[in-house]
Amino acid sequence: MTWTWTFESSIGDVIGRSETFESRGDAESWVGEAFGELLEQGIDQVRLFDGDDEVYGPMSLHAENN
């Protein structure tokens, strides 16, 4: 399968998709490196997909306020 991220607004509207990745590890490493750029592009949260199956999300790109 191929791994992709959907990019979403804070209310869950899909505003884009990532490139495809060969493995979950590659996809997770990429989002860890790119999250700052994604925030600058107005992306608030992401969801990880394996093909058409959602693996997890939504995952906020914003720091948690404790």
PDB file of N, CA and C in Angstrom:
ATOM      1  N   MET A   1       0.836  -1.186   0.000  1.00  0.00           N
ATOM      2  CA  MET A   1       0.000   0.000   0.000  1.00  0.00           C
ATOM      3  C   MET A   1       0.879   1.248   0.000  1.00  0.00           C
ATOM      4  N   THR A   2       0.227   2.368  -0.210  1.00  0.00           N
ATOM      5  CA  THR A   2       0.933   3.645  -0.121  1.00  0.00           C
ATOM      6  C   THR A   2       0.374   4.437   1.049  1.00  0.00           C
ATOM      7  N   TRP A   3       1.230   5.186   1.653  1.00  0.00           N
ATOM      8  CA  TRP A   3       0.901   5.978   2.831  1.00  0.00           C
ATOM      9  C   TRP A   3       0.826   7.446   2.441  1.00  0.00           C
ATOM     10  N   THR A   4      -0.230   8.130   2.897  1.00  0.00           N
ATOM     11  CA  THR A   4      -0.394   9.555   2.610  1.00  0.00           C
ATOM     12  C   THR A   4      -0.988  10.257   3.822  1.00  0.00           C
ATOM     13  N   TRP A   5      -0.799  11.565   3.850  1.00  0.00           N
ATOM     14  CA  TRP A   5      -1.423  12.431   4.853  1.00  0.00           C
ATOM     15  C   TRP A   5      -2.476  13.275   4.168  1.00  0.00           C
ATOM     16  N   THR A   6      -3.611  13.497   4.827  1.00  0.00           N
ATOM     17  CA  THR A   6      -4.519  14.546   4.378  1.00  0.00           C
ATOM     18  C   THR A   6      -4.251  15.757   5.245  1.00  0.00           C
ATOM     19  N   PHE A   7      -4.323  16.919   4.644  1.00  0.00           N
ATOM     20  CA  PHE A   7      -4.119  18.190   5.334  1.00  0.00           C
ATOM     21  C   PHE A   7      -5.491  18.805   5.576  1.00  0.00           C
ATOM     22  N   GLU A   8      -5.723  19.270   6.807  1.00  0.00           N
ATOM     23  CA  GLU A   8      -7.052  19.763   7.157  1.00  0.00           C
ATOM     24  C   GLU A   8      -6.996  21.089   7.899  1.00  0.00           C
ATOM     25  N   SER A   9      -8.121  21.795   7.819  1.00  0.00           N
ATOM     26  CA  SER A   9      -8.324  22.990   8.643  1.00  0.00           C
ATOM     27  C   SER A   9      -8.656  22.521  10.064  1.00  0.00           C
ATOM     28  N   SER A  10      -8.776  23.463  10.964  1.00  0.00           N
ATOM     29  CA  SER A  10      -9.074  23.113  12.359  1.00  0.00           C
ATOM     30  C   SER A  10     -10.456  22.486  12.531  1.00  0.00           C
ATOM     31  N   ILE A  11     -11.345  22.688  11.560  1.00  0.00           N
ATOM     32  CA  ILE A  11     -12.684  22.084  11.664  1.00  0.00           C
ATOM     33  C   ILE A  11     -12.816  20.824  10.811  1.00  0.00           C
ATOM     34  N   GLY A  12     -11.701  20.348  10.255  1.00  0.00           N
ATOM     35  CA  GLY A  12     -11.700  19.083   9.543  1.00  0.00           C
ATOM     36  C   GLY A  12     -11.930  19.144   8.050  1.00  0.00           C
ATOM     37  N   ASP A  13     -11.974  20.346   7.481  1.00  0.00           N
ATOM     38  CA  ASP A  13     -12.091  20.446   6.024  1.00  0.00           C
ATOM     39  C   ASP A  13     -10.770  20.040   5.386  1.00  0.00           C
ATOM     40  N   VAL A  14     -10.810  19.124   4.438  1.00  0.00           N
ATOM     41  CA  VAL A  14      -9.593  18.680   3.744  1.00  0.00           C
ATOM     42  C   VAL A  14      -9.158  19.778   2.788  1.00  0.00           C
ATOM     43  N   ILE A  15      -7.889  20.177   2.926  1.00  0.00           N
ATOM     44  CA  ILE A  15      -7.368  21.251   2.068  1.00  0.00           C
ATOM     45  C   ILE A  15      -6.162  20.801   1.252  1.00  0.00           C
ATOM     46  N   GLY A  16      -5.857  19.506   1.323  1.00  0.00           N
ATOM     47  CA  GLY A  16      -4.759  18.994   0.508  1.00  0.00           C
ATOM     48  C   GLY A  16      -4.336  17.612   0.936  1.00  0.00           C
ATOM     49  N   ARG A  17      -3.369  17.086   0.192  1.00  0.00           N
ATOM     50  CA  ARG A  17      -2.818  15.760   0.461  1.00  0.00           C
ATOM     51  C   ARG A  17      -1.312  15.795   0.249  1.00  0.00           C
ATOM     52  N   SER A  18      -0.636  14.958   0.991  1.00  0.00           N
ATOM     53  CA  SER A  18       0.814  14.861   0.836  1.00  0.00           C
ATOM     54  C   SER A  18       1.174  14.012  -0.379  1.00  0.00           C
ATOM     55  N   GLU A  19       2.444  13.971  -0.647  1.00  0.00           N
ATOM     56  CA  GLU A  19       2.964  12.990  -1.592  1.00  0.00           C
ATOM     57  C   GLU A  19       2.732  11.602  -0.989  1.00  0.00           C
ATOM     58  N   THR A  20       2.983  10.555  -1.741  1.00  0.00           N
ATOM     59  CA  THR A  20       2.840   9.201  -1.213  1.00  0.00           C
ATOM     60  C   THR A  20       4.180   8.708  -0.683  1.00  0.00           C
ATOM     61  N   PHE A  21       4.093   7.812   0.287  1.00  0.00           N
ATOM     62  CA  PHE A  21       5.284   7.253   0.921  1.00  0.00           C
ATOM     63  C   PHE A  21       5.211   5.734   0.870  1.00  0.00           C
ATOM     64  N   GLU A  22       6.371   5.104   0.812  1.00  0.00           N
ATOM     65  CA  GLU A  22       6.456   3.647   0.729  1.00  0.00           C
ATOM     66  C   GLU A  22       6.118   2.954   2.043  1.00  0.00           C
ATOM     67  N   SER A  23       6.363   3.643   3.173  1.00  0.00           N
ATOM     68  CA  SER A  23       6.155   3.010   4.477  1.00  0.00           C
ATOM     69  C   SER A  23       5.574   4.017   5.461  1.00  0.00           C
ATOM     70  N   ARG A  24       4.997   3.476   6.527  1.00  0.00           N
ATOM     71  CA  ARG A  24       4.464   4.326   7.592  1.00  0.00           C
ATOM     72  C   ARG A  24       5.582   5.138   8.226  1.00  0.00           C
ATOM     73  N   GLY A  25       6.727   4.510   8.434  1.00  0.00           N
ATOM     74  CA  GLY A  25       7.867   5.211   9.028  1.00  0.00           C
ATOM     75  C   GLY A  25       8.311   6.402   8.199  1.00  0.00           C
ATOM     76  N   ASP A  26       8.348   6.223   6.879  1.00  0.00           N
ATOM     77  CA  ASP A  26       8.719   7.332   5.990  1.00  0.00           C
ATOM     78  C   ASP A  26       7.711   8.471   6.100  1.00  0.00           C
ATOM     79  N   ALA A  27       6.419   8.124   6.127  1.00  0.00           N
ATOM     80  CA  ALA A  27       5.368   9.142   6.225  1.00  0.00           C
ATOM     81  C   ALA A  27       5.462   9.886   7.550  1.00  0.00           C
ATOM     82  N   GLU A  28       5.663   9.163   8.639  1.00  0.00           N
ATOM     83  CA  GLU A  28       5.743   9.803   9.951  1.00  0.00           C
ATOM     84  C   GLU A  28       6.995  10.656  10.088  1.00  0.00           C
ATOM     85  N   SER A  29       8.111  10.192   9.540  1.00  0.00           N
ATOM     86  CA  SER A  29       9.332  11.002   9.571  1.00  0.00           C
ATOM     87  C   SER A  29       9.141  12.298   8.796  1.00  0.00           C
ATOM     88  N   TRP A  30       8.506  12.192   7.635  1.00  0.00           N
ATOM     89  CA  TRP A  30       8.291  13.369   6.811  1.00  0.00           C
ATOM     90  C   TRP A  30       7.450  14.406   7.531  1.00  0.00           C
ATOM     91  N   VAL A  31       6.325  13.997   8.134  1.00  0.00           N
ATOM     92  CA  VAL A  31       5.459  14.978   8.787  1.00  0.00           C
ATOM     93  C   VAL A  31       6.175  15.604   9.987  1.00  0.00           C
ATOM     94  N   GLY A  32       7.036  14.838  10.638  1.00  0.00           N
ATOM     95  CA  GLY A  32       7.816  15.384  11.744  1.00  0.00           C
ATOM     96  C   GLY A  32       8.773  16.472  11.303  1.00  0.00           C
ATOM     97  N   GLU A  33       9.288  16.341  10.101  1.00  0.00           N
ATOM     98  CA  GLU A  33      10.205  17.342   9.561  1.00  0.00           C
ATOM     99  C   GLU A  33       9.473  18.522   8.928  1.00  0.00           C
ATOM    100  N   ALA A  34       8.272  18.284   8.402  1.00  0.00           N
ATOM    101  CA  ALA A  34       7.574  19.294   7.608  1.00  0.00           C
ATOM    102  C   ALA A  34       6.498  20.059   8.366  1.00  0.00           C
ATOM    103  N   PHE A  35       6.252  19.715   9.644  1.00  0.00           N
ATOM    104  CA  PHE A  35       5.089  20.307  10.315  1.00  0.00           C
ATOM    105  C   PHE A  35       5.156  21.826  10.382  1.00  0.00           C
ATOM    106  N   GLY A  36       6.321  22.417  10.546  1.00  0.00           N
ATOM    107  CA  GLY A  36       6.430  23.875  10.588  1.00  0.00           C
ATOM    108  C   GLY A  36       6.002  24.515   9.282  1.00  0.00           C
ATOM    109  N   GLU A  37       6.436  23.936   8.167  1.00  0.00           N
ATOM    110  CA  GLU A  37       6.042  24.438   6.848  1.00  0.00           C
ATOM    111  C   GLU A  37       4.550  24.258   6.627  1.00  0.00           C
ATOM    112  N   LEU A  38       4.001  23.147   7.106  1.00  0.00           N
ATOM    113  CA  LEU A  38       2.567  22.894   6.954  1.00  0.00           C
ATOM    114  C   LEU A  38       1.765  23.952   7.710  1.00  0.00           C
ATOM    115  N   LEU A  39       2.195  24.270   8.926  1.00  0.00           N
ATOM    116  CA  LEU A  39       1.517  25.313   9.707  1.00  0.00           C
ATOM    117  C   LEU A  39       1.552  26.649   8.970  1.00  0.00           C
ATOM    118  N   GLU A  40       2.698  26.982   8.379  1.00  0.00           N
ATOM    119  CA  GLU A  40       2.827  28.233   7.634  1.00  0.00           C
ATOM    120  C   GLU A  40       1.882  28.276   6.440  1.00  0.00           C
ATOM    121  N   GLN A  41       1.524  27.103   5.909  1.00  0.00           N
ATOM    122  CA  GLN A  41       0.608  27.017   4.769  1.00  0.00           C
ATOM    123  C   GLN A  41      -0.850  27.016   5.213  1.00  0.00           C
ATOM    124  N   GLY A  42      -1.102  27.145   6.516  1.00  0.00           N
ATOM    125  CA  GLY A  42      -2.476  27.197   7.017  1.00  0.00           C
ATOM    126  C   GLY A  42      -3.092  25.857   7.334  1.00  0.00           C
ATOM    127  N   ILE A  43      -2.266  24.823   7.415  1.00  0.00           N
ATOM    128  CA  ILE A  43      -2.765  23.489   7.748  1.00  0.00           C
ATOM    129  C   ILE A  43      -2.745  23.340   9.262  1.00  0.00           C
ATOM    130  N   ASP A  44      -3.877  22.958   9.836  1.00  0.00           N
ATOM    131  CA  ASP A  44      -3.996  22.846  11.290  1.00  0.00           C
ATOM    132  C   ASP A  44      -3.841  21.426  11.807  1.00  0.00           C
ATOM    133  N   GLN A  45      -4.261  20.446  11.014  1.00  0.00           N
ATOM    134  CA  GLN A  45      -4.195  19.058  11.474  1.00  0.00           C
ATOM    135  C   GLN A  45      -4.035  18.129  10.283  1.00  0.00           C
ATOM    136  N   VAL A  46      -3.620  16.899  10.574  1.00  0.00           N
ATOM    137  CA  VAL A  46      -3.391  15.906   9.528  1.00  0.00           C
ATOM    138  C   VAL A  46      -3.988  14.564   9.941  1.00  0.00           C
ATOM    139  N   ARG A  47      -4.245  13.730   8.937  1.00  0.00           N
ATOM    140  CA  ARG A  47      -4.674  12.347   9.151  1.00  0.00           C
ATOM    141  C   ARG A  47      -3.796  11.454   8.289  1.00  0.00           C
ATOM    142  N   LEU A  48      -3.413  10.302   8.835  1.00  0.00           N
ATOM    143  CA  LEU A  48      -2.577   9.351   8.105  1.00  0.00           C
ATOM    144  C   LEU A  48      -3.444   8.251   7.514  1.00  0.00           C
ATOM    145  N   PHE A  49      -3.212   7.960   6.226  1.00  0.00           N
ATOM    146  CA  PHE A  49      -3.942   6.908   5.524  1.00  0.00           C
ATOM    147  C   PHE A  49      -2.979   5.879   4.960  1.00  0.00           C
ATOM    148  N   ASP A  50      -3.410   4.622   5.028  1.00  0.00           N
ATOM    149  CA  ASP A  50      -2.742   3.507   4.349  1.00  0.00           C
ATOM    150  C   ASP A  50      -3.683   3.118   3.218  1.00  0.00           C
ATOM    151  N   GLY A  51      -3.380   3.579   2.021  1.00  0.00           N
ATOM    152  CA  GLY A  51      -4.328   3.422   0.923  1.00  0.00           C
ATOM    153  C   GLY A  51      -5.563   4.260   1.225  1.00  0.00           C
ATOM    154  N   ASP A  52      -6.733   3.627   1.259  1.00  0.00           N
ATOM    155  CA  ASP A  52      -7.977   4.321   1.575  1.00  0.00           C
ATOM    156  C   ASP A  52      -8.350   4.220   3.049  1.00  0.00           C
ATOM    157  N   ASP A  53      -7.572   3.475   3.834  1.00  0.00           N
ATOM    158  CA  ASP A  53      -7.890   3.240   5.245  1.00  0.00           C
ATOM    159  C   ASP A  53      -7.217   4.262   6.148  1.00  0.00           C
ATOM    160  N   GLU A  54      -8.030   4.954   6.961  1.00  0.00           N
ATOM    161  CA  GLU A  54      -7.469   5.906   7.924  1.00  0.00           C
ATOM    162  C   GLU A  54      -6.798   5.136   9.055  1.00  0.00           C
ATOM    163  N   VAL A  55      -5.546   5.477   9.331  1.00  0.00           N
ATOM    164  CA  VAL A  55      -4.782   4.822  10.387  1.00  0.00           C
ATOM    165  C   VAL A  55      -4.929   5.592  11.694  1.00  0.00           C
ATOM    166  N   TYR A  56      -4.755   6.900  11.633  1.00  0.00           N
ATOM    167  CA  TYR A  56      -5.021   7.731  12.808  1.00  0.00           C
ATOM    168  C   TYR A  56      -5.179   9.189  12.421  1.00  0.00           C
ATOM    169  N   GLY A  57      -5.767   9.924  13.343  1.00  0.00           N
ATOM    170  CA  GLY A  57      -5.998  11.338  13.155  1.00  0.00           C
ATOM    171  C   GLY A  57      -7.381  11.679  13.663  1.00  0.00           C
ATOM    172  N   PRO A  58      -7.700  12.917  13.723  1.00  0.00           N
ATOM    173  CA  PRO A  58      -6.825  14.019  13.333  1.00  0.00           C
ATOM    174  C   PRO A  58      -5.732  14.255  14.366  1.00  0.00           C
ATOM    175  N   MET A  59      -4.588  14.657  13.880  1.00  0.00           N
ATOM    176  CA  MET A  59      -3.453  14.995  14.728  1.00  0.00           C
ATOM    177  C   MET A  59      -3.163  16.490  14.524  1.00  0.00           C
ATOM    178  N   SER A  60      -3.326  17.256  15.579  1.00  0.00           N
ATOM    179  CA  SER A  60      -3.081  18.687  15.495  1.00  0.00           C
ATOM    180  C   SER A  60      -1.600  18.967  15.294  1.00  0.00           C
ATOM    181  N   LEU A  61      -1.314  19.992  14.511  1.00  0.00           N
ATOM    182  CA  LEU A  61       0.059  20.446  14.319  1.00  0.00           C
ATOM    183  C   LEU A  61       0.430  21.554  15.285  1.00  0.00           C
ATOM    184  N   HIS A  62      -0.526  22.008  16.094  1.00  0.00           N
ATOM    185  CA  HIS A  62      -0.303  23.070  17.058  1.00  0.00           C
ATOM    186  C   HIS A  62       0.153  22.501  18.406  1.00  0.00           C
ATOM    187  N   ALA A  63       0.985  23.243  19.099  1.00  0.00           N
ATOM    188  CA  ALA A  63       1.441  22.823  20.415  1.00  0.00           C
ATOM    189  C   ALA A  63       0.257  22.808  21.384  1.00  0.00           C
ATOM    190  N   GLU A  64       0.259  21.838  22.285  1.00  0.00           N
ATOM    191  CA  GLU A  64      -0.793  21.773  23.286  1.00  0.00           C
ATOM    192  C   GLU A  64      -0.565  22.830  24.345  1.00  0.00           C
ATOM    193  N   ASN A  65      -1.644  23.409  24.823  1.00  0.00           N
ATOM    194  CA  ASN A  65      -1.577  24.359  25.941  1.00  0.00           C
ATOM    195  C   ASN A  65      -1.954  23.618  27.212  1.00  0.00           C
ATOM    196  N   ASN A  66      -1.012  23.524  28.131  1.00  0.00           N
ATOM    197  CA  ASN A  66      -1.286  22.809  29.386  1.00  0.00           C
ATOM    198  C   ASN A  66      -1.699  23.752  30.472  1.00  0.00           C
TER     199      ASN A  66
END
